[in-house]
């Protein structure tokens, strides 16, 4: 592995993605590796973009939202881009908080159901 560029295989290994995923990100133009013949090489810009793509996926953004995020990232400091980013972040935070509330309720419901089952077992004769 070189210090400044990763091969296709190294990129997959470094970011723990499948070749199919990496090719797809290129196909939808989230990534644009350097090409030398059939070989692809990923420099610091593409590695930074890949980190942002994976972070965006972890945050629950769609690939189109990630594309918009990458456009914003490329124009640091411009007020309209930062305002757009804040709207995206606020919308996703609200969605994640809603999911967390649903998950908390599911956990509480399951614990209550489990406790009911334990109480029922205590009333039954032991075999």
C-alpha atoms as a PDB file:
ATOM      1  CA  UNK A   1       0.000   0.000   0.000  1.00  0.00           C
ATOM      2  CA  UNK A   2       1.334   3.443  -0.889  1.00  0.00           C
ATOM      3  CA  UNK A   3       1.118   6.454   1.392  1.00  0.00           C
ATOM      4  CA  UNK A   4      -0.910   8.575  -1.012  1.00  0.00           C
ATOM      5  CA  UNK A   5      -3.048   6.152  -3.008  1.00  0.00           C
ATOM      6  CA  UNK A   6      -4.934   2.939  -2.419  1.00  0.00           C
ATOM      7  CA  UNK A   7      -5.662   0.298  -5.020  1.00  0.00           C
ATOM      8  CA  UNK A   8      -9.236  -0.943  -5.535  1.00  0.00           C
ATOM      9  CA  UNK A   9      -8.562  -3.967  -3.321  1.00  0.00           C
ATOM     10  CA  UNK A  10      -6.872  -1.870  -0.627  1.00  0.00           C
ATOM     11  CA  UNK A  11      -9.775   0.581  -0.644  1.00  0.00           C
ATOM     12  CA  UNK A  12     -12.240  -2.281  -0.096  1.00  0.00           C
ATOM     13  CA  UNK A  13     -10.130  -3.696   2.730  1.00  0.00           C
ATOM     14  CA  UNK A  14      -9.453  -0.335   4.385  1.00  0.00           C
ATOM     15  CA  UNK A  15     -13.095   0.678   4.493  1.00  0.00           C
ATOM     16  CA  UNK A  16     -14.521  -2.834   4.869  1.00  0.00           C
ATOM     17  CA  UNK A  17     -16.791  -2.586   1.834  1.00  0.00           C
ATOM     18  CA  UNK A  18     -17.427  -5.102  -0.901  1.00  0.00           C
ATOM     19  CA  UNK A  19     -16.103  -4.585  -4.427  1.00  0.00           C
ATOM     20  CA  UNK A  20     -19.708  -4.314  -5.574  1.00  0.00           C
ATOM     21  CA  UNK A  21     -20.370  -1.473  -3.105  1.00  0.00           C
ATOM     22  CA  UNK A  22     -17.246   0.399  -4.153  1.00  0.00           C
ATOM     23  CA  UNK A  23     -18.118   0.027  -7.836  1.00  0.00           C
ATOM     24  CA  UNK A  24     -21.648   1.255  -7.120  1.00  0.00           C
ATOM     25  CA  UNK A  25     -20.381   4.377  -5.347  1.00  0.00           C
ATOM     26  CA  UNK A  26     -18.275   5.069  -8.419  1.00  0.00           C
ATOM     27  CA  UNK A  27     -21.217   4.391 -10.754  1.00  0.00           C
ATOM     28  CA  UNK A  28     -23.425   6.907  -8.952  1.00  0.00           C
ATOM     29  CA  UNK A  29     -20.492   9.327  -8.901  1.00  0.00           C
ATOM     30  CA  UNK A  30     -19.948   9.559  -5.171  1.00  0.00           C
ATOM     31  CA  UNK A  31     -16.333   8.558  -5.830  1.00  0.00           C
ATOM     32  CA  UNK A  32     -14.087   9.291  -8.792  1.00  0.00           C
ATOM     33  CA  UNK A  33     -10.848   7.301  -8.578  1.00  0.00           C
ATOM     34  CA  UNK A  34      -7.855   7.882 -10.795  1.00  0.00           C
ATOM     35  CA  UNK A  35      -7.750   5.309 -13.584  1.00  0.00           C
ATOM     36  CA  UNK A  36      -4.642   3.831 -15.139  1.00  0.00           C
ATOM     37  CA  UNK A  37      -5.778   1.374 -17.750  1.00  0.00           C
ATOM     38  CA  UNK A  38      -8.153  -0.938 -15.921  1.00  0.00           C
ATOM     39  CA  UNK A  39      -6.647  -0.174 -12.506  1.00  0.00           C
ATOM     40  CA  UNK A  40      -8.267   2.283 -10.121  1.00  0.00           C
ATOM     41  CA  UNK A  41      -6.443   4.285  -7.479  1.00  0.00           C
ATOM     42  CA  UNK A  42      -7.912   6.288  -4.634  1.00  0.00           C
ATOM     43  CA  UNK A  43      -6.104   9.332  -3.329  1.00  0.00           C
ATOM     44  CA  UNK A  44      -6.645  11.358  -0.142  1.00  0.00           C
ATOM     45  CA  UNK A  45      -9.719  13.137  -1.590  1.00  0.00           C
ATOM     46  CA  UNK A  46     -11.495   9.873  -2.371  1.00  0.00           C
ATOM     47  CA  UNK A  47     -10.527   8.385   0.985  1.00  0.00           C
ATOM     48  CA  UNK A  48     -11.988  11.439   2.763  1.00  0.00           C
ATOM     49  CA  UNK A  49     -15.152  11.166   0.667  1.00  0.00           C
ATOM     50  CA  UNK A  50     -15.446   7.463   1.526  1.00  0.00           C
ATOM     51  CA  UNK A  51     -15.215   8.303   5.238  1.00  0.00           C
ATOM     52  CA  UNK A  52     -18.024  10.820   4.788  1.00  0.00           C
ATOM     53  CA  UNK A  53     -20.132   8.324   2.807  1.00  0.00           C
ATOM     54  CA  UNK A  54     -19.802   5.700   5.534  1.00  0.00           C
ATOM     55  CA  UNK A  55     -20.466   8.268   8.261  1.00  0.00           C
ATOM     56  CA  UNK A  56     -23.563   9.437   6.387  1.00  0.00           C
ATOM     57  CA  UNK A  57     -24.811   5.858   6.075  1.00  0.00           C
ATOM     58  CA  UNK A  58     -24.237   5.337   9.798  1.00  0.00           C
ATOM     59  CA  UNK A  59     -26.291   8.461  10.487  1.00  0.00           C
ATOM     60  CA  UNK A  60     -29.087   7.019   8.336  1.00  0.00           C
ATOM     61  CA  UNK A  61     -28.850   9.391   5.371  1.00  0.00           C
ATOM     62  CA  UNK A  62     -29.908   8.174   1.925  1.00  0.00           C
ATOM     63  CA  UNK A  63     -27.292   8.057  -0.825  1.00  0.00           C
ATOM     64  CA  UNK A  64     -28.897  11.128  -2.410  1.00  0.00           C
ATOM     65  CA  UNK A  65     -28.642  12.989   0.889  1.00  0.00           C
ATOM     66  CA  UNK A  66     -25.019  11.869   1.148  1.00  0.00           C
ATOM     67  CA  UNK A  67     -24.432  13.245  -2.372  1.00  0.00           C
ATOM     68  CA  UNK A  68     -25.811  16.599  -1.207  1.00  0.00           C
ATOM     69  CA  UNK A  69     -23.653  16.382   1.919  1.00  0.00           C
ATOM     70  CA  UNK A  70     -20.559  15.798  -0.217  1.00  0.00           C
ATOM     71  CA  UNK A  71     -21.438  18.847  -2.326  1.00  0.00           C
ATOM     72  CA  UNK A  72     -21.742  20.905   0.855  1.00  0.00           C
ATOM     73  CA  UNK A  73     -18.478  19.465   2.200  1.00  0.00           C
ATOM     74  CA  UNK A  74     -16.708  20.607  -0.960  1.00  0.00           C
ATOM     75  CA  UNK A  75     -17.802  24.215  -0.335  1.00  0.00           C
ATOM     76  CA  UNK A  76     -16.803  24.764   3.279  1.00  0.00           C
ATOM     77  CA  UNK A  77     -17.718  28.020   4.860  1.00  0.00           C
ATOM     78  CA  UNK A  78     -20.415  29.194   2.464  1.00  0.00           C
ATOM     79  CA  UNK A  79     -23.510  30.147   4.449  1.00  0.00           C
ATOM     80  CA  UNK A  80     -26.161  28.642   2.108  1.00  0.00           C
ATOM     81  CA  UNK A  81     -24.354  25.285   2.099  1.00  0.00           C
ATOM     82  CA  UNK A  82     -24.031  25.288   5.877  1.00  0.00           C
ATOM     83  CA  UNK A  83     -27.707  26.207   6.270  1.00  0.00           C
ATOM     84  CA  UNK A  84     -28.645  23.335   3.955  1.00  0.00           C
ATOM     85  CA  UNK A  85     -26.457  20.999   6.005  1.00  0.00           C
ATOM     86  CA  UNK A  86     -28.117  22.131   9.232  1.00  0.00           C
ATOM     87  CA  UNK A  87     -31.566  21.417   7.788  1.00  0.00           C
ATOM     88  CA  UNK A  88     -30.445  17.931   6.717  1.00  0.00           C
ATOM     89  CA  UNK A  89     -28.864  17.274  10.126  1.00  0.00           C
ATOM     90  CA  UNK A  90     -31.919  18.512  12.033  1.00  0.00           C
ATOM     91  CA  UNK A  91     -34.254  16.377   9.905  1.00  0.00           C
ATOM     92  CA  UNK A  92     -32.111  13.277  10.457  1.00  0.00           C
ATOM     93  CA  UNK A  93     -31.712  13.954  14.179  1.00  0.00           C
ATOM     94  CA  UNK A  94     -35.498  14.108  14.515  1.00  0.00           C
ATOM     95  CA  UNK A  95     -35.842  10.825  12.625  1.00  0.00           C
ATOM     96  CA  UNK A  96     -33.186   9.116  14.773  1.00  0.00           C
ATOM     97  CA  UNK A  97     -34.775  10.407  17.979  1.00  0.00           C
ATOM     98  CA  UNK A  98     -38.120   9.037  16.808  1.00  0.00           C
ATOM     99  CA  UNK A  99     -36.519   5.665  16.117  1.00  0.00           C
ATOM    100  CA  UNK A 100     -34.889   5.708  19.544  1.00  0.00           C
ATOM    101  CA  UNK A 101     -38.267   6.436  21.196  1.00  0.00           C
ATOM    102  CA  UNK A 102     -39.838   3.518  19.304  1.00  0.00           C
ATOM    103  CA  UNK A 103     -36.955   1.269  20.295  1.00  0.00           C
ATOM    104  CA  UNK A 104     -37.207   2.340  23.948  1.00  0.00           C
ATOM    105  CA  UNK A 105     -40.937   1.541  23.879  1.00  0.00           C
ATOM    106  CA  UNK A 106     -40.297  -1.867  22.281  1.00  0.00           C
ATOM    107  CA  UNK A 107     -37.698  -2.677  24.945  1.00  0.00           C
ATOM    108  CA  UNK A 108     -40.099  -1.649  27.728  1.00  0.00           C
ATOM    109  CA  UNK A 109     -42.913  -3.718  26.193  1.00  0.00           C
ATOM    110  CA  UNK A 110     -40.691  -6.773  25.825  1.00  0.00           C
ATOM    111  CA  UNK A 111     -39.410  -6.468  29.408  1.00  0.00           C
ATOM    112  CA  UNK A 112     -42.987  -6.245  30.694  1.00  0.00           C
ATOM    113  CA  UNK A 113     -44.028  -9.267  28.643  1.00  0.00           C
ATOM    114  CA  UNK A 114     -41.001 -11.198  29.893  1.00  0.00           C
ATOM    115  CA  UNK A 115     -41.841 -10.307  33.497  1.00  0.00           C
ATOM    116  CA  UNK A 116     -45.414 -11.524  32.965  1.00  0.00           C
ATOM    117  CA  UNK A 117     -44.035 -14.819  31.635  1.00  0.00           C
ATOM    118  CA  UNK A 118     -41.753 -15.186  34.681  1.00  0.00           C
ATOM    119  CA  UNK A 119     -44.717 -14.577  37.017  1.00  0.00           C
ATOM    120  CA  UNK A 120     -46.786 -17.156  35.114  1.00  0.00           C
ATOM    121  CA  UNK A 121     -43.981 -19.710  35.388  1.00  0.00           C
ATOM    122  CA  UNK A 122     -43.747 -19.104  39.148  1.00  0.00           C
ATOM    123  CA  UNK A 123     -47.458 -20.016  39.485  1.00  0.00           C
ATOM    124  CA  UNK A 124     -47.090 -23.263  37.542  1.00  0.00           C
ATOM    125  CA  UNK A 125     -46.061 -26.481  39.245  1.00  0.00           C
ATOM    126  CA  UNK A 126     -42.459 -27.527  38.727  1.00  0.00           C
ATOM    127  CA  UNK A 127     -42.040 -30.711  36.686  1.00  0.00           C
END
